[in-house]
Amino acid sequence: MRTLIAEDEPLAREGLVEWVQAMPQLSLVDAVGDGVRALAAIEEHQPDLVLMDIQMPGMTGLQVLRALASDPERRLPAVIFTTAYDEHALTAFELHAVDYLLKPFARDRFEEAVQHVIAQQGNTGAEPLRALEAASSESPEPLQRLLVRDMGRIVPLHVDRIEHLRSDTKYTAIVTGGKTYLVRLPITHFGQRLDPQRFLKVNRSCIVNLDFVDSMTPDDSSQLVVQLRDGSRFTASREVSKELRAQSL
């Protein structure tokens, strides 16, 4: 696979060059240090695989992909992101994207990601990048999966299995399957990306999955108390309570 590296940190770039050259399945075509050069090099070399940092001078990795995806006739490469920012995984890297490496990463994790790409070689590579573009567009499609960090691991979560989300101003707790994952993002970040047909924001700090709601009962103030199957209870705001009553048959 013709491989291009886009990484602005010289030592990290040199390490990736060494690892790529050590893999017989890969052929290095170029290694650049900023987003503008990355876009030009991709257009020039037409690589099969791009190892790309997200935070780069000139253009970010996401901006590079946005520029590539703007041409529907362009053959898009497979992309493995190298990033030190896990919030980008939550924003843009749904599981069906090729892969990403969270810095600092070990060589075996790099090789695992490459093998993942090789296993997907029968795909055109267009869908992962289209999905990434959709995740960064002004009218994004609803999230299907999230990648979250837990005890040093990266855990994929199916969004339709999330039972509820609750938060303060900076953190959001995601509850699914009896487990809670804490992420460093406000709940407003998720409210804009979740399917409104399935997820209901009952108040400023809580979003519930209607598939896991057991009942809604008015309290003494006529606000609806939403009870989930696991026993969790959340009071809907007055406005949401009014809307729910209006929608009920």
C-alpha atoms as a PDB file:
ATOM      1  CA  MET A   1       0.000   0.000   0.000  1.00  0.00           C
ATOM      2  CA  ARG A   2       1.377   3.371  -1.042  1.00  0.00           C
ATOM      3  CA  THR A   3       1.627   5.251   2.252  1.00  0.00           C
ATOM      4  CA  LEU A   4       1.949   8.948   3.091  1.00  0.00           C
ATOM      5  CA  ILE A   5       2.751  10.409   6.510  1.00  0.00           C
ATOM      6  CA  ALA A   6       1.489  13.842   7.614  1.00  0.00           C
ATOM      7  CA  GLU A   7       2.881  14.672  11.061  1.00  0.00           C
ATOM      8  CA  ASP A   8       4.209  18.028  12.269  1.00  0.00           C
ATOM      9  CA  GLU A   9       6.277  16.669  15.189  1.00  0.00           C
ATOM     10  CA  PRO A  10       9.705  15.750  13.737  1.00  0.00           C
ATOM     11  CA  LEU A  11      10.451  12.907  16.166  1.00  0.00           C
ATOM     12  CA  ALA A  12       6.997  11.414  15.744  1.00  0.00           C
ATOM     13  CA  ARG A  13       7.333  11.719  11.957  1.00  0.00           C
ATOM     14  CA  GLU A  14      10.717  10.002  11.990  1.00  0.00           C
ATOM     15  CA  GLY A  15       9.316   7.193  14.125  1.00  0.00           C
ATOM     16  CA  LEU A  16       6.415   6.642  11.753  1.00  0.00           C
ATOM     17  CA  VAL A  17       8.778   6.630   8.777  1.00  0.00           C
ATOM     18  CA  GLU A  18      10.850   3.909  10.440  1.00  0.00           C
ATOM     19  CA  TRP A  19       7.798   1.802  11.258  1.00  0.00           C
ATOM     20  CA  VAL A  20       6.306   2.160   7.779  1.00  0.00           C
ATOM     21  CA  GLN A  21       9.583   1.193   6.116  1.00  0.00           C
ATOM     22  CA  ALA A  22       9.817  -1.884   8.347  1.00  0.00           C
ATOM     23  CA  MET A  23       6.463  -3.242   7.131  1.00  0.00           C
ATOM     24  CA  PRO A  24       6.719  -5.106   3.814  1.00  0.00           C
ATOM     25  CA  GLN A  25       3.037  -4.415   3.078  1.00  0.00           C
ATOM     26  CA  LEU A  26       3.685  -0.650   2.976  1.00  0.00           C
ATOM     27  CA  SER A  27       5.613   1.574   0.581  1.00  0.00           C
ATOM     28  CA  LEU A  28       6.405   5.098   1.796  1.00  0.00           C
ATOM     29  CA  VAL A  29       5.787   7.772  -0.854  1.00  0.00           C
ATOM     30  CA  ASP A  30       6.282  10.929   1.243  1.00  0.00           C
ATOM     31  CA  ALA A  31       6.405  12.373   4.761  1.00  0.00           C
ATOM     32  CA  VAL A  32       5.299  15.969   5.320  1.00  0.00           C
ATOM     33  CA  GLY A  33       4.951  18.254   8.311  1.00  0.00           C
ATOM     34  CA  ASP A  34       1.885  20.426   7.761  1.00  0.00           C
ATOM     35  CA  GLY A  35      -1.652  20.269   6.463  1.00  0.00           C
ATOM     36  CA  VAL A  36      -1.147  22.288   3.285  1.00  0.00           C
ATOM     37  CA  ARG A  37       1.712  20.067   2.170  1.00  0.00           C
ATOM     38  CA  ALA A  38      -0.296  17.010   3.163  1.00  0.00           C
ATOM     39  CA  LEU A  39      -3.142  17.983   0.836  1.00  0.00           C
ATOM     40  CA  ALA A  40      -0.720  18.676  -2.020  1.00  0.00           C
ATOM     41  CA  ALA A  41       1.156  15.414  -1.435  1.00  0.00           C
ATOM     42  CA  ILE A  42      -2.065  13.391  -1.378  1.00  0.00           C
ATOM     43  CA  GLU A  43      -3.127  14.952  -4.677  1.00  0.00           C
ATOM     44  CA  GLU A  44       0.312  14.311  -6.173  1.00  0.00           C
ATOM     45  CA  HIS A  45       1.003  10.765  -4.964  1.00  0.00           C
ATOM     46  CA  GLN A  46      -2.544   9.362  -4.717  1.00  0.00           C
ATOM     47  CA  PRO A  47      -1.616   7.153  -1.737  1.00  0.00           C
ATOM     48  CA  ASP A  48      -3.631   4.160  -0.605  1.00  0.00           C
ATOM     49  CA  LEU A  49      -3.032   4.962   3.061  1.00  0.00           C
ATOM     50  CA  VAL A  50      -2.440   8.239   4.926  1.00  0.00           C
ATOM     51  CA  LEU A  51      -1.134   8.427   8.494  1.00  0.00           C
ATOM     52  CA  MET A  52      -2.215  11.907   9.534  1.00  0.00           C
ATOM     53  CA  ASP A  53      -2.066  14.025  12.662  1.00  0.00           C
ATOM     54  CA  ILE A  54      -5.117  16.155  13.429  1.00  0.00           C
ATOM     55  CA  GLN A  55      -3.443  19.262  14.862  1.00  0.00           C
ATOM     56  CA  MET A  56      -1.061  20.538  12.176  1.00  0.00           C
ATOM     57  CA  PRO A  57      -0.050  24.033  11.040  1.00  0.00           C
ATOM     58  CA  GLY A  58      -1.623  25.410   7.888  1.00  0.00           C
ATOM     59  CA  MET A  59      -4.559  23.003   7.854  1.00  0.00           C
ATOM     60  CA  THR A  60      -5.772  20.519  10.412  1.00  0.00           C
ATOM     61  CA  GLY A  61      -6.180  16.890   9.458  1.00  0.00           C
ATOM     62  CA  LEU A  62      -9.951  17.366   9.457  1.00  0.00           C
ATOM     63  CA  GLN A  63      -9.637  20.318   7.079  1.00  0.00           C
ATOM     64  CA  VAL A  64      -7.467  18.235   4.769  1.00  0.00           C
ATOM     65  CA  LEU A  65     -10.122  15.537   4.666  1.00  0.00           C
ATOM     66  CA  ARG A  66     -12.874  18.101   4.166  1.00  0.00           C
ATOM     67  CA  ALA A  67     -10.993  19.418   1.126  1.00  0.00           C
ATOM     68  CA  LEU A  68     -10.498  15.896  -0.241  1.00  0.00           C
ATOM     69  CA  ALA A  69     -14.103  14.891   0.309  1.00  0.00           C
ATOM     70  CA  SER A  70     -15.407  18.011  -1.447  1.00  0.00           C
ATOM     71  CA  ASP A  71     -14.662  16.353  -4.797  1.00  0.00           C
ATOM     72  CA  PRO A  72     -17.071  13.422  -5.257  1.00  0.00           C
ATOM     73  CA  GLU A  73     -14.976  12.072  -8.147  1.00  0.00           C
ATOM     74  CA  ARG A  74     -11.783  11.859  -6.126  1.00  0.00           C
ATOM     75  CA  ARG A  75     -10.441   8.474  -5.060  1.00  0.00           C
ATOM     76  CA  LEU A  76     -10.054   8.785  -1.332  1.00  0.00           C
ATOM     77  CA  PRO A  77      -7.304   7.006   0.607  1.00  0.00           C
ATOM     78  CA  ALA A  78      -7.749   5.079   3.805  1.00  0.00           C
ATOM     79  CA  VAL A  79      -6.749   7.259   6.754  1.00  0.00           C
ATOM     80  CA  ILE A  80      -5.327   6.426  10.164  1.00  0.00           C
ATOM     81  CA  PHE A  81      -5.309   9.432  12.462  1.00  0.00           C
ATOM     82  CA  THR A  82      -2.557  10.069  14.962  1.00  0.00           C
ATOM     83  CA  THR A  83      -3.781  12.409  17.676  1.00  0.00           C
ATOM     84  CA  ALA A  84      -3.184  13.397  21.274  1.00  0.00           C
ATOM     85  CA  TYR A  85      -6.774  14.628  21.659  1.00  0.00           C
ATOM     86  CA  ASP A  86      -9.385  12.032  22.574  1.00  0.00           C
ATOM     87  CA  GLU A  87     -12.211  14.547  22.120  1.00  0.00           C
ATOM     88  CA  HIS A  88     -11.685  14.244  18.369  1.00  0.00           C
ATOM     89  CA  ALA A  89     -12.521  10.559  18.621  1.00  0.00           C
ATOM     90  CA  LEU A  90     -15.832  11.463  20.212  1.00  0.00           C
ATOM     91  CA  THR A  91     -16.499  14.116  17.625  1.00  0.00           C
ATOM     92  CA  ALA A  92     -15.405  12.500  14.424  1.00  0.00           C
ATOM     93  CA  PHE A  93     -14.166   8.913  14.669  1.00  0.00           C
ATOM     94  CA  GLU A  94     -17.124   6.632  14.572  1.00  0.00           C
ATOM     95  CA  LEU A  95     -16.129   2.960  14.567  1.00  0.00           C
ATOM     96  CA  HIS A  96     -16.579   2.471  10.838  1.00  0.00           C
ATOM     97  CA  ALA A  97     -13.753   4.949  10.149  1.00  0.00           C
ATOM     98  CA  VAL A  98     -10.531   3.088   9.406  1.00  0.00           C
ATOM     99  CA  ASP A  99      -8.693   3.656  12.700  1.00  0.00           C
ATOM    100  CA  TYR A 100      -6.889   6.202  14.842  1.00  0.00           C
ATOM    101  CA  LEU A 101      -3.902   6.125  17.149  1.00  0.00           C
ATOM    102  CA  LEU A 102      -4.044   8.025  20.423  1.00  0.00           C
ATOM    103  CA  LYS A 103      -0.627   9.433  21.305  1.00  0.00           C
ATOM    104  CA  PRO A 104       1.550   8.118  22.753  1.00  0.00           C
ATOM    105  CA  PHE A 105       1.038   4.776  21.024  1.00  0.00           C
ATOM    106  CA  ALA A 106       3.237   1.703  20.831  1.00  0.00           C
ATOM    107  CA  ARG A 107       4.495  -0.021  17.724  1.00  0.00           C
ATOM    108  CA  ASP A 108       2.200  -3.007  18.173  1.00  0.00           C
ATOM    109  CA  ARG A 109      -0.804  -0.655  18.221  1.00  0.00           C
ATOM    110  CA  PHE A 110       0.460   0.952  15.003  1.00  0.00           C
ATOM    111  CA  GLU A 111       0.834  -2.447  13.334  1.00  0.00           C
ATOM    112  CA  GLU A 112      -2.618  -3.468  14.514  1.00  0.00           C
ATOM    113  CA  ALA A 113      -4.096  -0.355  12.884  1.00  0.00           C
ATOM    114  CA  VAL A 114      -2.272  -1.083   9.620  1.00  0.00           C
ATOM    115  CA  GLN A 115      -3.530  -4.665   9.626  1.00  0.00           C
ATOM    116  CA  HIS A 116      -7.016  -3.263  10.122  1.00  0.00           C
ATOM    117  CA  VAL A 117      -6.583  -1.172   6.978  1.00  0.00           C
ATOM    118  CA  ILE A 118      -5.220  -4.137   5.028  1.00  0.00           C
ATOM    119  CA  ALA A 119      -8.226  -6.208   6.109  1.00  0.00           C
ATOM    120  CA  GLN A 120     -10.481  -3.438   4.792  1.00  0.00           C
ATOM    121  CA  GLN A 121      -8.595  -3.115   1.516  1.00  0.00           C
ATOM    122  CA  GLY A 122     -11.559  -4.351  -0.449  1.00  0.00           C
ATOM    123  CA  ASN A 123     -13.425  -1.157   0.496  1.00  0.00           C
ATOM    124  CA  THR A 124     -12.992   2.014  -1.529  1.00  0.00           C
ATOM    125  CA  GLY A 125     -12.170   4.112   1.500  1.00  0.00           C
ATOM    126  CA  ALA A 126     -14.814   6.603   0.474  1.00  0.00           C
ATOM    127  CA  GLU A 127     -17.374   5.758   3.122  1.00  0.00           C
ATOM    128  CA  PRO A 128     -15.104   6.317   6.151  1.00  0.00           C
ATOM    129  CA  LEU A 129     -14.073   9.723   4.879  1.00  0.00           C
ATOM    130  CA  ARG A 130     -17.609  10.665   3.917  1.00  0.00           C
ATOM    131  CA  ALA A 131     -18.642   9.700   7.453  1.00  0.00           C
ATOM    132  CA  LEU A 132     -15.874  11.849   8.871  1.00  0.00           C
ATOM    133  CA  GLU A 133     -16.914  14.757   6.699  1.00  0.00           C
ATOM    134  CA  ALA A 134     -20.490  14.334   7.864  1.00  0.00           C
ATOM    135  CA  ALA A 135     -19.306  14.424  11.455  1.00  0.00           C
ATOM    136  CA  SER A 136     -17.700  17.813  10.835  1.00  0.00           C
ATOM    137  CA  SER A 137     -20.355  19.375   8.629  1.00  0.00           C
ATOM    138  CA  GLU A 138     -22.916  21.984   9.575  1.00  0.00           C
ATOM    139  CA  SER A 139     -25.731  19.424   9.310  1.00  0.00           C
ATOM    140  CA  PRO A 140     -24.181  16.227  10.682  1.00  0.00           C
ATOM    141  CA  GLU A 141     -25.949  12.894  10.609  1.00  0.00           C
ATOM    142  CA  PRO A 142     -26.830  11.354  13.990  1.00  0.00           C
ATOM    143  CA  LEU A 143     -24.024   9.534  15.750  1.00  0.00           C
ATOM    144  CA  GLN A 144     -24.013   5.768  15.439  1.00  0.00           C
ATOM    145  CA  ARG A 145     -21.019   4.905  17.599  1.00  0.00           C
ATOM    146  CA  LEU A 146     -18.694   6.585  20.067  1.00  0.00           C
ATOM    147  CA  LEU A 147     -15.167   5.752  21.110  1.00  0.00           C
ATOM    148  CA  VAL A 148     -14.474   6.494  24.763  1.00  0.00           C
ATOM    149  CA  ARG A 149     -11.486   6.008  27.022  1.00  0.00           C
ATOM    150  CA  ASP A 150     -11.747   3.682  30.016  1.00  0.00           C
ATOM    151  CA  MET A 151      -8.867   2.546  32.236  1.00  0.00           C
ATOM    152  CA  GLY A 152      -6.330   3.060  29.459  1.00  0.00           C
ATOM    153  CA  ARG A 153      -8.494   1.332  26.850  1.00  0.00           C
ATOM    154  CA  ILE A 154     -10.539   2.658  23.937  1.00  0.00           C
ATOM    155  CA  VAL A 155     -14.082   1.290  24.141  1.00  0.00           C
ATOM    156  CA  PRO A 156     -16.587   1.466  21.246  1.00  0.00           C
ATOM    157  CA  LEU A 157     -20.139   2.239  22.341  1.00  0.00           C
ATOM    158  CA  HIS A 158     -23.191   1.638  20.165  1.00  0.00           C
ATOM    159  CA  VAL A 159     -25.235   4.806  20.530  1.00  0.00           C
ATOM    160  CA  ASP A 160     -28.574   2.986  20.394  1.00  0.00           C
ATOM    161  CA  ARG A 161     -27.527   1.045  23.534  1.00  0.00           C
ATOM    162  CA  ILE A 162     -26.804   4.187  25.557  1.00  0.00           C
ATOM    163  CA  GLU A 163     -29.442   4.417  28.278  1.00  0.00           C
ATOM    164  CA  HIS A 164     -28.885   8.000  29.360  1.00  0.00           C
ATOM    165  CA  LEU A 165     -26.361  10.817  29.555  1.00  0.00           C
ATOM    166  CA  ARG A 166     -26.038  13.265  32.429  1.00  0.00           C
ATOM    167  CA  SER A 167     -23.534  16.019  32.988  1.00  0.00           C
ATOM    168  CA  ASP A 168     -22.258  19.087  34.748  1.00  0.00           C
ATOM    169  CA  THR A 169     -20.720  21.969  32.798  1.00  0.00           C
ATOM    170  CA  LYS A 170     -17.559  20.135  31.668  1.00  0.00           C
ATOM    171  CA  TYR A 171     -18.103  16.379  31.940  1.00  0.00           C
ATOM    172  CA  THR A 172     -20.701  13.955  30.679  1.00  0.00           C
ATOM    173  CA  ALA A 173     -21.438  10.532  32.154  1.00  0.00           C
ATOM    174  CA  ILE A 174     -22.553   8.026  29.515  1.00  0.00           C
ATOM    175  CA  VAL A 175     -24.488   5.070  30.950  1.00  0.00           C
ATOM    176  CA  THR A 176     -24.842   1.834  28.996  1.00  0.00           C
ATOM    177  CA  GLY A 177     -25.147  -1.796  29.983  1.00  0.00           C
ATOM    178  CA  GLY A 178     -24.768  -1.046  33.676  1.00  0.00           C
ATOM    179  CA  LYS A 179     -21.489   0.818  33.149  1.00  0.00           C
ATOM    180  CA  THR A 180     -20.722   4.533  33.306  1.00  0.00           C
ATOM    181  CA  TYR A 181     -18.096   6.237  31.139  1.00  0.00           C
ATOM    182  CA  LEU A 182     -17.007   9.778  31.979  1.00  0.00           C
ATOM    183  CA  VAL A 183     -15.896  11.986  29.096  1.00  0.00           C
ATOM    184  CA  ARG A 184     -14.496  15.514  29.088  1.00  0.00           C
ATOM    185  CA  LEU A 185     -17.212  17.080  26.954  1.00  0.00           C
ATOM    186  CA  PRO A 186     -20.383  19.016  27.835  1.00  0.00           C
ATOM    187  CA  ILE A 187     -23.721  17.360  27.225  1.00  0.00           C
ATOM    188  CA  THR A 188     -24.552  19.992  24.584  1.00  0.00           C
ATOM    189  CA  HIS A 189     -21.901  18.365  22.386  1.00  0.00           C
ATOM    190  CA  PHE A 190     -23.941  15.151  22.274  1.00  0.00           C
ATOM    191  CA  GLY A 191     -27.354  16.770  22.136  1.00  0.00           C
ATOM    192  CA  GLN A 192     -26.544  18.134  18.691  1.00  0.00           C
ATOM    193  CA  ARG A 193     -25.514  14.718  17.334  1.00  0.00           C
ATOM    194  CA  LEU A 194     -27.997  12.244  18.811  1.00  0.00           C
ATOM    195  CA  ASP A 195     -31.058  11.039  16.913  1.00  0.00           C
ATOM    196  CA  PRO A 196     -33.971  13.183  18.161  1.00  0.00           C
ATOM    197  CA  GLN A 197     -36.390  10.350  17.367  1.00  0.00           C
ATOM    198  CA  ARG A 198     -34.680   8.199  19.993  1.00  0.00           C
ATOM    199  CA  PHE A 199     -33.060  10.572  22.474  1.00  0.00           C
ATOM    200  CA  LEU A 200     -34.907  13.150  24.555  1.00  0.00           C
ATOM    201  CA  LYS A 201     -33.222  15.976  26.448  1.00  0.00           C
ATOM    202  CA  VAL A 202     -35.411  16.042  29.540  1.00  0.00           C
ATOM    203  CA  ASN A 203     -33.597  18.953  31.172  1.00  0.00           C
ATOM    204  CA  ARG A 204     -30.383  20.947  30.850  1.00  0.00           C
ATOM    205  CA  SER A 205     -28.210  18.192  32.306  1.00  0.00           C
ATOM    206  CA  CYS A 206     -29.823  14.952  31.176  1.00  0.00           C
ATOM    207  CA  ILE A 207     -30.618  13.133  27.928  1.00  0.00           C
ATOM    208  CA  VAL A 208     -32.479   9.818  27.994  1.00  0.00           C
ATOM    209  CA  ASN A 209     -32.901   7.097  25.400  1.00  0.00           C
ATOM    210  CA  LEU A 210     -36.663   6.615  25.025  1.00  0.00           C
ATOM    211  CA  ASP A 211     -36.108   2.921  24.317  1.00  0.00           C
ATOM    212  CA  PHE A 212     -35.068   2.527  27.964  1.00  0.00           C
ATOM    213  CA  VAL A 213     -37.839   4.630  29.529  1.00  0.00           C
ATOM    214  CA  ASP A 214     -40.264   2.671  31.704  1.00  0.00           C
ATOM    215  CA  SER A 215     -42.748   5.443  32.504  1.00  0.00           C
ATOM    216  CA  MET A 216     -43.331   9.170  32.952  1.00  0.00           C
ATOM    217  CA  THR A 217     -45.291  10.285  36.014  1.00  0.00           C
ATOM    218  CA  PRO A 218     -46.247  13.851  37.071  1.00  0.00           C
ATOM    219  CA  ASP A 219     -44.855  15.105  40.374  1.00  0.00           C
ATOM    220  CA  ASP A 220     -46.458  17.601  42.785  1.00  0.00           C
ATOM    221  CA  SER A 221     -45.452  20.452  40.465  1.00  0.00           C
ATOM    222  CA  SER A 222     -46.973  18.710  37.422  1.00  0.00           C
ATOM    223  CA  GLN A 223     -43.524  18.130  35.948  1.00  0.00           C
ATOM    224  CA  LEU A 224     -43.005  14.661  34.523  1.00  0.00           C
ATOM    225  CA  VAL A 225     -40.599  12.333  36.323  1.00  0.00           C
ATOM    226  CA  VAL A 226     -38.971  10.061  33.747  1.00  0.00           C
ATOM    227  CA  GLN A 227     -38.155   6.617  35.139  1.00  0.00           C
ATOM    228  CA  LEU A 228     -35.797   4.307  33.286  1.00  0.00           C
ATOM    229  CA  ARG A 229     -35.815   0.531  33.435  1.00  0.00           C
ATOM    230  CA  ASP A 230     -32.702   0.530  35.629  1.00  0.00           C
ATOM    231  CA  GLY A 231     -34.501   2.630  38.232  1.00  0.00           C
ATOM    232  CA  SER A 232     -32.902   5.968  37.343  1.00  0.00           C
ATOM    233  CA  ARG A 233     -35.273   8.921  37.679  1.00  0.00           C
ATOM    234  CA  PHE A 234     -34.991  12.355  36.083  1.00  0.00           C
ATOM    235  CA  THR A 235     -37.384  15.278  36.295  1.00  0.00           C
ATOM    236  CA  ALA A 236     -38.260  16.820  32.966  1.00  0.00           C
ATOM    237  CA  SER A 237     -38.288  20.589  32.679  1.00  0.00           C
ATOM    238  CA  ARG A 238     -41.640  22.359  32.562  1.00  0.00           C
ATOM    239  CA  GLU A 239     -41.271  23.020  28.832  1.00  0.00           C
ATOM    240  CA  VAL A 240     -40.357  19.414  28.028  1.00  0.00           C
ATOM    241  CA  SER A 241     -43.169  18.129  30.274  1.00  0.00           C
ATOM    242  CA  LYS A 242     -45.642  20.301  28.377  1.00  0.00           C
ATOM    243  CA  GLU A 243     -44.353  19.060  25.008  1.00  0.00           C
ATOM    244  CA  LEU A 244     -44.579  15.420  26.109  1.00  0.00           C
ATOM    245  CA  ARG A 245     -48.154  15.847  27.260  1.00  0.00           C
ATOM    246  CA  ALA A 246     -49.056  17.458  23.950  1.00  0.00           C
ATOM    247  CA  GLN A 247     -47.529  14.502  22.048  1.00  0.00           C
ATOM    248  CA  SER A 248     -49.224  11.792  24.114  1.00  0.00           C
ATOM    249  CA  LEU A 249     -52.264  10.067  22.641  1.00  0.00           C
END
